[in-house]
Protein backbone atom coordinates (compact mmCIF):
# COMPACT_ATOMS: atom_id res chain seq x y z
CA MET A 1 -50.63 -47.37 -1.83
CA SER A 2 -47.31 -48.24 -3.34
CA ALA A 3 -44.25 -46.84 -1.69
CA GLY A 4 -42.35 -44.47 -3.89
CA PRO A 5 -38.63 -43.85 -3.80
CA ILE A 6 -37.39 -42.30 -0.60
CA THR A 7 -35.67 -38.91 -0.96
CA LEU A 8 -33.53 -37.01 1.48
CA GLY A 9 -35.48 -33.76 1.18
CA LEU A 10 -32.75 -32.06 -0.86
CA ALA A 11 -32.99 -30.57 -4.30
CA PRO A 12 -31.01 -32.39 -7.00
CA SER A 13 -28.57 -29.49 -7.24
CA GLU A 14 -28.09 -29.57 -3.47
CA ARG A 15 -27.54 -33.35 -3.46
CA ARG A 16 -24.97 -32.99 -6.25
CA ARG A 17 -23.31 -30.19 -4.31
CA ARG A 18 -23.12 -32.33 -1.16
CA PHE A 19 -21.33 -35.22 -2.87
CA GLY A 20 -19.44 -33.22 -5.46
CA ARG A 21 -16.45 -30.98 -5.14
CA PRO A 22 -16.82 -28.65 -2.10
CA ARG A 23 -17.54 -25.02 -2.96
CA ARG A 24 -16.88 -23.28 0.34
CA VAL A 25 -13.53 -21.61 0.92
CA PHE A 26 -13.23 -23.39 4.28
CA SER A 27 -13.69 -26.87 2.78
CA GLN A 28 -11.48 -26.31 -0.22
CA VAL A 29 -8.65 -24.79 1.77
CA LEU A 30 -8.85 -27.55 4.38
CA LEU A 31 -8.72 -30.29 1.74
CA MET A 32 -5.86 -28.60 -0.08
CA GLN A 33 -3.86 -28.18 3.12
CA LEU A 34 -4.51 -31.79 4.16
CA ALA A 35 -3.41 -32.99 0.73
CA ILE A 36 -0.29 -30.84 0.92
CA ALA A 37 0.51 -32.04 4.45
CA ALA A 38 0.01 -35.70 3.47
CA GLY A 39 2.08 -35.30 0.32
CA VAL A 40 4.89 -33.56 2.17
CA THR A 41 4.86 -36.27 4.86
CA VAL A 42 5.02 -39.09 2.31
CA LEU A 43 7.73 -37.32 0.35
CA ALA A 44 9.78 -36.62 3.47
CA THR A 45 9.41 -40.24 4.60
CA GLY A 46 10.49 -41.53 1.21
CA LEU A 47 13.43 -39.12 1.08
CA PHE A 48 14.47 -40.31 4.53
CA VAL A 49 14.03 -44.03 3.89
CA ALA A 50 15.98 -44.04 0.61
CA PRO A 51 19.23 -42.68 2.08
CA LEU A 52 18.65 -44.72 5.25
CA SER A 53 18.78 -47.95 3.24
CA ALA A 54 21.95 -46.82 1.49
CA GLN A 55 23.41 -45.71 4.81
CA LEU A 56 22.72 -49.10 6.42
CA ASP A 57 24.31 -50.88 3.45
CA ASP A 58 27.37 -48.65 3.71
CA GLN A 59 27.65 -49.26 7.44
CA ALA A 60 27.45 -53.04 6.91
CA MET A 61 30.13 -52.99 4.19
CA ARG A 62 32.42 -50.81 6.31
CA ARG A 63 31.93 -53.10 9.27
CA ALA A 64 32.84 -56.10 7.11
CA LEU A 65 35.91 -54.23 5.82
CA ALA A 66 36.97 -53.37 9.38
CA ILE A 67 36.68 -57.02 10.47
CA ALA A 68 38.70 -58.09 7.42
CA GLU A 69 41.43 -55.56 8.24
CA THR A 70 41.51 -56.75 11.84
CA THR A 71 41.78 -60.37 10.70
CA ALA A 72 44.58 -59.50 8.25
CA SER A 73 46.60 -57.88 11.03
CA ALA A 74 46.26 -60.85 13.47
CA ARG A 75 49.42 -62.66 12.18
CA VAL A 76 47.28 -64.95 10.11
CA ALA A 77 49.85 -64.72 7.31
CA ASP A 78 52.43 -66.67 9.36
CA ALA A 79 49.90 -69.41 10.09
CA LEU A 80 48.92 -69.53 6.42
CA LEU A 81 52.54 -69.85 5.30
CA GLY A 82 53.39 -72.48 7.94
CA SER A 83 50.47 -74.88 7.51
CA ARG A 84 48.09 -76.44 4.99
CA PRO A 85 44.39 -75.73 4.50
CA SER A 86 42.35 -77.96 6.80
CA SER A 87 39.30 -77.73 9.02
CA GLY A 88 41.42 -78.14 12.13
CA GLY A 89 44.28 -75.90 11.14
CA PRO A 90 45.33 -72.71 12.95
CA VAL A 91 43.99 -70.46 10.16
CA GLN A 92 40.48 -71.94 10.45
CA ALA A 93 40.61 -71.72 14.23
CA GLU A 94 41.61 -68.04 14.20
CA ALA A 95 39.02 -67.19 11.56
CA GLU A 96 36.21 -68.88 13.52
CA ARG A 97 37.27 -67.09 16.69
CA ILE A 98 37.07 -63.73 14.95
CA ARG A 99 33.75 -64.59 13.25
CA LYS A 100 32.09 -65.54 16.53
CA ALA A 101 33.53 -62.53 18.32
CA THR A 102 32.31 -60.05 15.70
CA GLY A 103 29.02 -61.70 14.66
CA ALA A 104 30.02 -61.88 11.00
CA GLU A 105 28.38 -64.40 8.73
CA TYR A 106 31.73 -65.72 7.50
CA VAL A 107 35.48 -65.01 7.63
CA VAL A 108 37.29 -66.51 4.66
CA ILE A 109 41.08 -66.51 4.41
CA MET A 110 42.54 -67.49 1.01
CA ASP A 111 45.97 -67.79 -0.52
CA ARG A 112 47.14 -66.15 -3.73
CA ARG A 113 45.48 -68.87 -5.79
CA GLY A 114 42.09 -68.13 -4.26
CA VAL A 115 42.01 -71.37 -2.28
CA ARG A 116 40.05 -71.11 1.00
CA TRP A 117 41.95 -71.79 4.23
CA SER A 118 38.93 -71.03 6.38
CA HIS A 119 35.17 -71.06 5.95
CA THR A 120 32.02 -71.39 8.01
CA ASP A 121 31.25 -74.54 6.05
CA THR A 122 34.39 -76.63 6.58
CA ARG A 123 33.64 -78.59 3.42
CA GLN A 124 34.54 -75.49 1.42
CA ILE A 125 38.09 -75.37 2.85
CA GLY A 126 40.61 -76.20 0.14
CA ARG A 127 38.31 -75.06 -2.64
CA VAL A 128 38.60 -71.97 -4.79
CA VAL A 129 36.37 -69.06 -3.78
CA SER A 130 33.20 -68.49 -5.82
CA THR A 131 33.82 -64.77 -6.43
CA ASP A 132 36.80 -63.13 -8.07
CA PRO A 133 39.43 -62.11 -5.44
CA GLY A 134 41.60 -60.37 -8.02
CA LYS A 135 41.24 -56.82 -6.66
CA ALA A 136 42.05 -57.85 -3.10
CA LEU A 137 45.04 -59.94 -4.27
CA ALA A 138 46.16 -56.89 -6.27
CA GLY A 139 46.35 -54.87 -3.05
CA GLU A 140 42.96 -53.06 -3.15
CA HIS A 141 40.37 -52.80 -0.40
CA VAL A 142 36.96 -53.90 -1.68
CA MET A 143 33.47 -53.13 -0.29
CA GLU A 144 30.47 -54.63 -2.08
CA ILE A 145 27.18 -56.42 -1.74
CA ASP A 146 27.26 -59.69 -3.63
CA SER A 147 25.99 -63.26 -3.59
CA GLY A 148 28.17 -66.27 -2.78
CA THR A 149 27.89 -69.82 -1.44
CA LEU A 150 26.19 -68.50 1.74
CA GLY A 151 23.81 -66.21 -0.10
CA ARG A 152 23.67 -62.42 -0.44
CA SER A 153 25.92 -60.51 1.97
CA ALA A 154 27.72 -57.24 2.55
CA ARG A 155 31.39 -57.94 1.96
CA GLY A 156 34.75 -56.45 2.76
CA LYS A 157 37.98 -57.78 1.19
CA VAL A 158 41.57 -56.79 2.01
CA PRO A 159 44.96 -58.16 0.96
CA LEU A 160 46.87 -60.42 3.40
CA ARG A 161 50.55 -59.46 3.75
CA ASP A 162 53.52 -61.13 5.44
CA ASP A 163 56.11 -59.41 7.58
CA ALA A 164 57.96 -58.22 4.49
CA GLY A 165 54.81 -56.60 3.15
CA ASP A 166 54.34 -59.03 0.30
CA ILE A 167 50.80 -60.15 -0.55
CA VAL A 168 50.40 -63.83 0.34
CA GLY A 169 46.61 -64.03 0.18
CA ALA A 170 43.40 -62.18 0.99
CA VAL A 171 40.73 -61.95 3.70
CA SER A 172 37.03 -61.80 2.84
CA VAL A 173 34.45 -61.04 5.54
CA GLY A 174 30.70 -61.17 4.95
CA ILE A 175 27.74 -59.85 6.96
CA ALA A 176 24.36 -61.33 6.14
CA TYR A 177 22.29 -58.92 4.07
CA ASP A 178 19.15 -60.07 5.80
CA SER A 179 20.37 -58.42 8.99
CA VAL A 180 20.68 -55.08 7.15
CA ARG A 181 17.15 -55.46 5.84
CA ASP A 182 15.94 -56.33 9.31
CA ARG A 183 17.48 -53.14 10.70
CA LEU A 184 15.79 -51.15 7.97
CA LEU A 185 12.42 -52.77 8.58
CA ALA A 186 12.83 -52.25 12.31
CA ALA A 187 13.39 -48.51 11.78
CA ILE A 188 10.33 -48.04 9.57
CA PRO A 189 7.64 -48.30 12.35
CA GLY A 190 9.29 -45.58 14.37
CA LEU A 191 9.72 -43.49 11.26
CA LEU A 192 6.06 -43.95 10.38
CA ALA A 193 5.08 -43.00 13.92
CA TYR A 194 7.00 -39.72 13.63
CA ALA A 195 5.51 -39.14 10.17
CA GLY A 196 2.01 -39.83 11.50
CA GLY A 197 2.56 -37.38 14.35
CA ALA A 198 3.78 -34.72 11.93
CA LEU A 199 0.79 -35.39 9.67
CA ALA A 200 -1.61 -35.10 12.61
CA ALA A 201 -0.01 -31.81 13.71
CA GLY A 202 -0.20 -30.53 10.14
CA ALA A 203 -3.85 -31.58 9.85
CA LEU A 204 -4.70 -29.81 13.12
CA ALA A 205 -2.90 -26.65 11.98
CA ALA A 206 -4.67 -26.85 8.62
CA TYR A 207 -8.03 -27.19 10.36
CA LEU A 208 -7.38 -24.18 12.63
CA ILE A 209 -6.22 -22.06 9.69
CA ALA A 210 -9.23 -23.11 7.65
CA ARG A 211 -11.58 -22.29 10.52
CA ARG A 212 -10.03 -18.83 10.85
CA LEU A 213 -10.37 -18.35 7.11
CA GLN A 214 -13.98 -19.49 7.35
CA ARG A 215 -14.75 -16.78 9.91
CA GLN A 216 -12.93 -14.11 7.92
CA THR A 217 -14.66 -15.01 4.65
CA HIS A 218 -18.07 -15.56 6.32
CA ASP A 219 -18.15 -19.10 4.90
CA LEU A 220 -18.42 -17.86 1.32
CA ALA A 221 -17.62 -19.83 -1.79
CA PHE A 222 -14.83 -18.78 -4.13
CA SER A 223 -17.39 -17.92 -6.79
CA ASP A 224 -19.22 -15.71 -4.28
CA ILE A 225 -15.98 -13.90 -3.40
CA ALA A 226 -15.20 -13.35 -7.09
CA ALA A 227 -18.71 -12.01 -7.67
CA LEU A 228 -18.45 -9.70 -4.65
CA LEU A 229 -15.09 -8.41 -5.87
CA ALA A 230 -16.51 -7.68 -9.32
CA GLU A 231 -19.51 -5.94 -7.78
CA ARG A 232 -17.28 -3.92 -5.48
CA GLU A 233 -15.11 -2.75 -8.37
CA ALA A 234 -18.17 -1.78 -10.40
CA MET A 235 -19.72 0.03 -7.44
CA LEU A 236 -16.55 1.88 -6.42
CA HIS A 237 -15.75 3.10 -9.91
CA GLY A 238 -19.38 3.93 -10.65
CA LEU A 239 -19.88 6.12 -7.57
CA ARG A 240 -19.87 9.86 -8.02
CA GLU A 241 -18.28 10.22 -4.59
CA GLY A 242 -14.60 9.71 -3.91
CA VAL A 243 -13.68 6.68 -1.81
CA VAL A 244 -10.24 6.27 -0.21
CA ALA A 245 -9.41 3.16 1.84
CA LEU A 246 -6.40 3.18 4.18
CA ASP A 247 -4.64 0.25 5.83
CA PRO A 248 -3.62 0.27 9.53
CA THR A 249 -0.24 1.86 8.69
CA GLY A 250 -1.83 4.82 6.88
CA ARG A 251 -1.04 3.63 3.35
CA ILE A 252 -3.60 4.01 0.59
CA ARG A 253 -5.21 0.63 0.03
CA LEU A 254 -7.53 1.65 -2.79
CA MET A 255 -8.82 4.82 -4.42
CA ASN A 256 -11.64 4.99 -6.92
CA ASP A 257 -11.68 7.12 -10.05
CA GLU A 258 -13.66 9.95 -8.48
CA ALA A 259 -11.26 10.20 -5.53
CA GLN A 260 -8.31 10.40 -7.93
CA ARG A 261 -10.04 13.21 -9.80
CA LEU A 262 -10.96 15.17 -6.69
CA LEU A 263 -7.55 14.80 -5.07
CA GLY A 264 -5.60 15.35 -8.28
CA VAL A 265 -3.56 12.13 -8.08
CA GLY A 266 -3.21 9.08 -10.30
CA PRO A 267 -3.36 5.30 -9.79
CA GLU A 268 0.30 5.31 -8.74
CA ALA A 269 -0.76 6.79 -5.38
CA THR A 270 -2.16 3.39 -4.34
CA GLY A 271 0.22 1.76 -1.88
CA LEU A 272 1.91 5.02 -0.85
CA PRO A 273 1.62 6.62 2.59
CA LEU A 274 -1.08 9.27 2.68
CA ALA A 275 1.36 12.10 3.42
CA GLU A 276 3.62 11.06 0.54
CA ALA A 277 0.76 10.80 -1.96
CA LEU A 278 -1.05 14.04 -1.01
CA GLY A 279 1.58 16.06 0.82
CA GLY A 280 0.88 17.97 4.00
CA GLY A 281 -2.16 20.06 4.75
CA ARG A 282 -5.68 19.83 6.04
CA THR A 283 -6.79 17.22 3.48
CA THR A 284 -4.13 14.80 4.72
CA ASP A 285 -5.01 15.55 8.34
CA VAL A 286 -8.71 14.92 7.72
CA LEU A 287 -8.19 11.65 5.81
CA SER A 288 -5.65 10.35 8.33
CA GLY A 289 -7.97 11.07 11.28
CA ARG A 290 -5.86 13.75 12.94
CA VAL A 291 -8.82 16.09 12.46
CA GLN A 292 -12.04 14.40 13.51
CA GLY A 293 -15.68 15.21 12.95
CA GLU A 294 -18.49 14.83 10.45
CA ASP A 295 -18.77 16.58 7.09
CA LEU A 296 -15.35 18.18 7.44
CA LEU A 297 -14.55 20.83 4.86
CA THR A 298 -11.19 20.85 3.13
CA VAL A 299 -9.74 22.57 0.08
CA ARG A 300 -7.74 20.56 -2.44
CA GLY A 301 -6.41 22.69 -5.26
CA SER A 302 -9.37 24.74 -6.44
CA ARG A 303 -11.93 22.26 -5.13
CA VAL A 304 -13.91 22.41 -1.90
CA LEU A 305 -14.41 18.89 -0.52
CA VAL A 306 -16.54 17.45 2.26
CA ALA A 307 -14.88 14.44 3.91
CA ASN A 308 -16.19 11.76 6.25
CA ARG A 309 -13.99 9.08 7.77
CA MET A 310 -15.04 5.70 9.18
CA PRO A 311 -12.54 3.37 10.95
CA THR A 312 -12.52 -0.33 9.98
CA ASP A 313 -12.12 -3.40 12.19
CA ASP A 314 -8.53 -4.07 11.06
CA GLY A 315 -7.32 -0.63 12.21
CA GLY A 316 -7.59 1.06 8.84
CA ALA A 317 -10.24 3.48 7.64
CA VAL A 318 -12.47 4.36 4.70
CA ALA A 319 -12.99 8.01 3.79
CA THR A 320 -15.59 9.43 1.43
CA LEU A 321 -15.20 12.70 -0.45
CA ARG A 322 -17.89 14.89 -1.97
CA ASP A 323 -17.26 17.79 -4.30
CA ARG A 324 -18.88 20.95 -2.92
CA THR A 325 -17.04 23.41 -5.13
CA GLU A 326 -20.11 24.40 -7.13
CA VAL A 327 -22.32 24.34 -4.03
CA GLU A 328 -19.91 26.62 -2.18
CA GLN A 329 -19.72 28.95 -5.15
CA LEU A 330 -23.49 29.05 -5.37
CA SER A 331 -23.73 29.64 -1.62
CA ARG A 332 -21.28 32.50 -1.79
CA GLU A 333 -23.10 33.89 -4.80
CA LEU A 334 -26.35 33.58 -2.85
CA ASP A 335 -24.82 35.51 0.04
CA ALA A 336 -23.55 38.13 -2.40
CA THR A 337 -26.97 38.28 -4.05
CA ARG A 338 -28.67 38.73 -0.70
CA GLY A 339 -26.21 41.47 0.13
CA LEU A 340 -26.91 43.06 -3.21
CA ILE A 341 -30.66 42.81 -2.58
CA ASP A 342 -30.17 44.52 0.76
CA ALA A 343 -28.12 47.19 -0.97
CA LEU A 344 -30.77 47.59 -3.67
CA ARG A 345 -33.45 47.84 -1.01
CA ALA A 346 -31.42 50.56 0.69
CA GLN A 347 -30.85 52.22 -2.67
CA ASP A 348 -34.56 52.05 -3.36
CA HIS A 349 -35.26 53.70 -0.05
CA GLU A 350 -32.61 56.35 -0.75
CA HIS A 351 -33.86 56.78 -4.30
CA ALA A 352 -37.38 57.36 -2.97
CA ASN A 353 -36.03 60.02 -0.61
CA ARG A 354 -34.19 61.66 -3.49
CA MET A 355 -37.27 61.57 -5.70
CA HIS A 356 -39.33 63.15 -2.91
CA THR A 357 -36.66 65.80 -2.53
CA LEU A 358 -36.63 66.42 -6.29
CA LEU A 359 -40.45 66.57 -6.36
CA GLY A 360 -40.46 69.11 -3.55
CA LEU A 361 -37.91 71.30 -5.32
CA LEU A 362 -39.99 71.24 -8.49
CA GLU A 363 -43.23 72.02 -6.68
CA LEU A 364 -41.49 74.99 -5.06
CA ASP A 365 -40.41 76.14 -8.51
CA MET A 366 -36.76 75.81 -7.48
CA HIS A 367 -35.71 74.50 -10.90
CA ASP A 368 -32.05 75.47 -10.70
CA GLU A 369 -31.65 73.78 -7.35
CA ALA A 370 -33.41 70.66 -8.70
CA ALA A 371 -31.04 70.48 -11.71
CA GLU A 372 -28.04 70.92 -9.45
CA PHE A 373 -29.34 68.18 -7.14
CA VAL A 374 -29.79 65.68 -10.01
CA THR A 375 -26.35 66.49 -11.45
CA GLU A 376 -24.71 65.88 -8.09
CA VAL A 377 -26.43 62.54 -7.51
CA VAL A 378 -25.66 61.19 -10.99
CA GLY A 379 -22.12 62.54 -10.95
CA VAL A 380 -21.13 60.62 -7.84
CA HIS A 381 -21.86 57.26 -9.48
CA ARG A 382 -20.35 58.32 -12.80
CA VAL A 383 -17.14 59.51 -11.15
CA THR A 384 -16.78 56.22 -9.26
CA ALA A 385 -17.18 54.13 -12.44
CA GLU A 386 -14.83 56.35 -14.43
CA GLN A 387 -12.14 56.23 -11.74
CA VAL A 388 -12.25 52.43 -11.70
CA THR A 389 -12.23 51.92 -15.48
CA GLU A 390 -9.38 54.42 -15.96
CA ARG A 391 -7.10 52.38 -13.68
CA VAL A 392 -8.44 48.83 -14.06
CA HIS A 393 -8.67 47.91 -17.73
CA ASP A 394 -9.83 44.32 -17.25
CA PRO A 395 -13.64 44.43 -17.63
CA LEU A 396 -14.42 41.67 -15.08
CA ALA A 397 -12.22 43.17 -12.37
CA ALA A 398 -13.49 46.69 -13.08
CA ALA A 399 -17.15 45.62 -12.96
CA LEU A 400 -16.54 43.80 -9.69
CA LEU A 401 -14.93 46.84 -8.07
CA VAL A 402 -17.74 49.15 -9.26
CA GLY A 403 -20.34 46.81 -7.81
CA LYS A 404 -18.42 46.42 -4.55
CA ALA A 405 -18.08 50.21 -4.29
CA THR A 406 -21.86 50.54 -4.55
CA VAL A 407 -22.47 47.88 -1.91
CA ALA A 408 -19.83 49.46 0.34
CA ALA A 409 -21.44 52.87 0.01
CA GLU A 410 -24.82 51.50 1.03
CA ARG A 411 -23.21 49.88 4.09
CA GLY A 412 -21.57 53.12 5.08
CA VAL A 413 -18.08 52.12 4.02
CA SER A 414 -15.89 54.15 1.70
CA LEU A 415 -14.14 52.01 -0.94
CA ARG A 416 -11.42 53.73 -2.92
CA LEU A 417 -8.56 52.78 -5.18
CA SER A 418 -5.02 53.68 -4.23
CA PRO A 419 -3.14 56.10 -6.52
CA GLU A 420 -0.71 53.33 -7.51
CA THR A 421 -3.49 51.15 -8.94
CA PHE A 422 -3.08 50.22 -12.60
CA LEU A 423 -4.06 46.86 -14.14
CA PRO A 424 -3.77 46.27 -17.91
CA ASP A 425 -6.21 44.09 -19.82
CA ARG A 426 -3.82 41.14 -20.15
CA LEU A 427 -4.96 38.81 -17.36
CA VAL A 428 -4.31 35.11 -17.94
CA ASP A 429 -7.01 34.02 -15.48
CA PRO A 430 -9.49 36.88 -14.96
CA GLN A 431 -11.97 34.66 -13.11
CA GLY A 432 -9.30 33.64 -10.59
CA LEU A 433 -8.37 37.26 -9.89
CA VAL A 434 -12.06 38.18 -9.52
CA THR A 435 -12.44 35.40 -6.93
CA VAL A 436 -9.43 36.66 -4.98
CA VAL A 437 -10.50 40.31 -5.09
CA GLY A 438 -14.13 39.49 -4.26
CA ASN A 439 -13.23 37.39 -1.22
CA LEU A 440 -10.78 39.95 0.18
CA VAL A 441 -13.16 42.90 -0.37
CA ASP A 442 -16.07 41.00 1.22
CA ASN A 443 -13.95 40.22 4.28
CA ALA A 444 -12.79 43.85 4.43
CA LEU A 445 -16.41 45.08 4.22
CA ASP A 446 -17.44 42.82 7.11
CA ALA A 447 -14.46 44.00 9.16
CA ALA A 448 -14.79 47.73 8.43
CA ALA A 449 -18.58 48.04 8.68
CA GLY A 450 -19.59 49.74 11.89
CA SER A 451 -16.16 51.24 12.63
CA GLY A 452 -15.55 54.99 12.83
CA GLU A 453 -14.75 56.46 9.41
CA ALA A 454 -15.11 53.02 7.85
CA ARG A 455 -13.07 52.70 4.69
CA ILE A 456 -11.41 50.19 2.42
CA GLU A 457 -8.52 50.78 0.08
CA VAL A 458 -7.80 48.48 -2.88
CA GLU A 459 -4.54 48.52 -4.78
CA LEU A 460 -4.04 46.54 -8.00
CA ARG A 461 -0.76 47.05 -9.77
CA ALA A 462 1.30 45.24 -12.39
CA GLU A 463 5.02 44.60 -11.96
CA GLY A 464 6.10 43.09 -15.24
CA ARG A 465 3.89 40.04 -15.58
CA THR A 466 3.23 39.88 -11.83
CA VAL A 467 0.03 41.25 -10.29
CA VAL A 468 0.16 42.58 -6.72
CA LEU A 469 -3.13 43.05 -4.87
CA CYS A 470 -3.42 44.89 -1.54
CA VAL A 471 -6.71 45.25 0.36
CA SER A 472 -6.65 47.19 3.62
CA ASP A 473 -9.49 48.17 5.93
CA SER A 474 -10.17 50.23 9.05
CA GLY A 475 -11.53 47.28 11.04
CA PRO A 476 -10.14 45.73 14.23
CA GLY A 477 -7.33 43.94 12.36
CA VAL A 478 -5.95 40.41 12.84
CA PRO A 479 -3.93 39.60 15.99
CA ASP A 480 -0.42 38.27 15.45
CA HIS A 481 -1.22 34.78 16.80
CA GLN A 482 -4.13 34.39 14.34
CA ARG A 483 -2.43 35.55 11.15
CA GLU A 484 -1.85 31.97 10.00
CA LEU A 485 -5.10 30.58 11.33
CA VAL A 486 -7.18 32.88 9.14
CA PHE A 487 -6.05 30.87 6.09
CA SER A 488 -7.17 27.53 7.55
CA GLU A 489 -10.25 25.83 6.14
CA GLY A 490 -13.21 26.12 8.48
CA TRP A 491 -11.68 28.84 10.70
CA SER A 492 -13.68 32.06 11.04
CA THR A 493 -14.61 34.67 13.63
CA LYS A 494 -17.90 35.48 11.88
CA ALA A 495 -21.34 34.12 12.61
CA LEU A 496 -22.50 31.24 10.41
CA PRO A 497 -24.33 32.29 7.24
CA SER A 498 -27.51 30.71 5.96
CA HIS A 499 -25.72 27.79 4.31
CA GLY A 500 -23.93 26.93 7.57
CA ARG A 501 -20.33 27.17 6.24
CA ARG A 502 -17.57 29.67 6.86
CA GLY A 503 -13.80 29.79 6.76
CA LEU A 504 -13.34 29.04 3.05
CA GLY A 505 -12.79 32.45 1.43
CA LEU A 506 -9.25 33.11 2.62
CA ALA A 507 -8.34 29.44 2.21
CA LEU A 508 -9.39 29.64 -1.43
CA VAL A 509 -7.43 32.87 -1.84
CA ARG A 510 -4.27 31.18 -0.59
CA ARG A 511 -4.81 28.11 -2.77
CA LEU A 512 -5.42 30.21 -5.89
CA ALA A 513 -2.29 32.25 -5.19
CA GLU A 514 -0.15 29.18 -4.53
CA ARG A 515 -1.48 27.48 -7.65
CA GLN A 516 -0.01 30.37 -9.67
CA GLY A 517 3.26 30.19 -7.78
CA GLY A 518 2.51 33.17 -5.53
CA GLY A 519 1.38 33.69 -1.98
CA VAL A 520 -0.67 35.77 0.42
CA ARG A 521 0.18 37.41 3.71
CA VAL A 522 -1.65 39.54 6.25
CA GLY A 523 -0.34 42.51 8.17
CA GLU A 524 -1.51 45.73 9.77
CA SER A 525 -2.85 48.62 7.69
CA ALA A 526 -2.14 52.30 8.22
CA ASP A 527 -5.63 52.67 9.73
CA GLY A 528 -4.94 49.95 12.31
CA GLY A 529 -6.99 47.30 10.53
CA ALA A 530 -5.89 44.35 8.41
CA GLU A 531 -3.96 44.51 5.18
CA PHE A 532 -3.93 41.48 2.89
CA THR A 533 -1.28 41.33 0.17
CA VAL A 534 -1.50 38.79 -2.66
CA VAL A 535 1.30 38.25 -5.17
CA LEU A 536 0.39 36.45 -8.42
CA PRO A 537 3.44 35.78 -10.65
CA GLU A 538 2.84 35.23 -14.36
CA ALA A 539 -0.74 36.52 -13.95
CA LEU A 540 -0.40 38.78 -17.01
CA ALA A 541 0.14 37.64 -20.56
CA PRO A 542 3.21 39.05 -22.37
CA ASP A 543 2.73 42.53 -23.84
CA GLU A 544 2.71 41.82 -27.57
CA ARG A 545 2.88 45.51 -28.47
CA ALA A 546 6.00 46.03 -26.38
CA THR A 547 7.52 42.94 -27.95
CA GLU A 548 6.75 44.25 -31.44
CA ARG A 549 8.27 47.64 -30.61
CA GLY A 550 11.41 45.95 -29.31
CA THR A 551 11.69 43.82 -32.43
CA ALA A 552 11.25 46.86 -34.66
CA GLY A 553 13.96 48.72 -32.72
CA GLU A 554 16.40 45.88 -33.22
CA GLU A 555 15.74 45.88 -36.95
């Protein structure tokens, strides 16, 4: 058998991935940080070496200038004026003494013609200098790096003056440039050692940061993170439940479209503290975690919400919101329907008793008494409906009160309208008023049922465009310390109904009243029970007929 090519057991795509550009966040971040650390180290080293070279050159030139100034002040001028240039003269001797003492490469003393009186190479004595001494002979101090008979050197030149201050020559001192380069080269290994240490520390820090990032990103690739982000955005904005994410400080980190709709806020709420974005109230307390539990009910505007909150590992939290407004309305309607069924069952029983009574009167040939009996029974219901419709002209509110009066009668409770009741048919939001009246009358029925001489009084009156509603009962009333608690979501003294929720009726009443700029308060009725008063400003539309009459009067 012929041996085929040996493979490493990896798919071609995996082999290309191994030797290609790394895809993981950990690898890419580590390589980028190492590249940045190496680049910064090289740049810093270059920026340090460049001025170091210039600094060493400047130090050498200043040292040469200082030696030249010292030489010029050593009474060399007198020796120059009193002798001739020679290798054994006093000027050469003094210059050599200074050169050896300072370690300079050369100390050249020249006269005004540029003729050397001293030199390291004695053969150059008596010859003109190779570089122009004009600036020094003109009285200037010169620092430069130049090449001469001894090679390249750092030079310092000063004028040589006699006792009278006249320039009689110049002094030129040179320091070998190779010594400056040697100092620079000697400093580079130490500099590289420091740079290597800094690079190693930077590489270690980069590795630790990359490892931490690897744990936090679960070793994902950048493409995976981008895909997850796109999927998260699509999922969050496609959910029909509200999602609110909070950071550890209580600020809103994100909020999907459904949460904005349910809470009645816009995208600008993102980044704001929860209390600033939503204001105070139970909703803020539930979302912030001050109220804990599962499936917590809260009312936001006219919506009933169910909230659940889950803390996150970083100290923040994620809260979900579900809209239960329609469910709560259906539940309350179901309760009302069941109550109506019970009332109808009682009415059926009472109707059967009445029919038996009527049948007995007819069988006994008591026709007058039978007619009187029927008139009385029918008249009671007719009188109740007529009394309501005469004072309450809005059809929805009137129908509600007639129905509630029937239910109250079957439960042994007397429901009557106060003499001050009058409501014109100009309601801006009839459904809202029906909700308020229905909730308050239901609560009053529950409170008054079973009490002695159980009764409820309803007062609906218009004051301009404001509607004032008062519902009082003969029940046990509301203690002073509970008169604010009764308006809290989830608070109730009643047993749980079939749908398992209570404590929303009065909360909705308050929210509906506040939404129209009004309010609700509870006090004590004349019968010792509770009296709820709701004020709804601008609840009535303007009276067009009164406006027309006023306009006609002005004309």
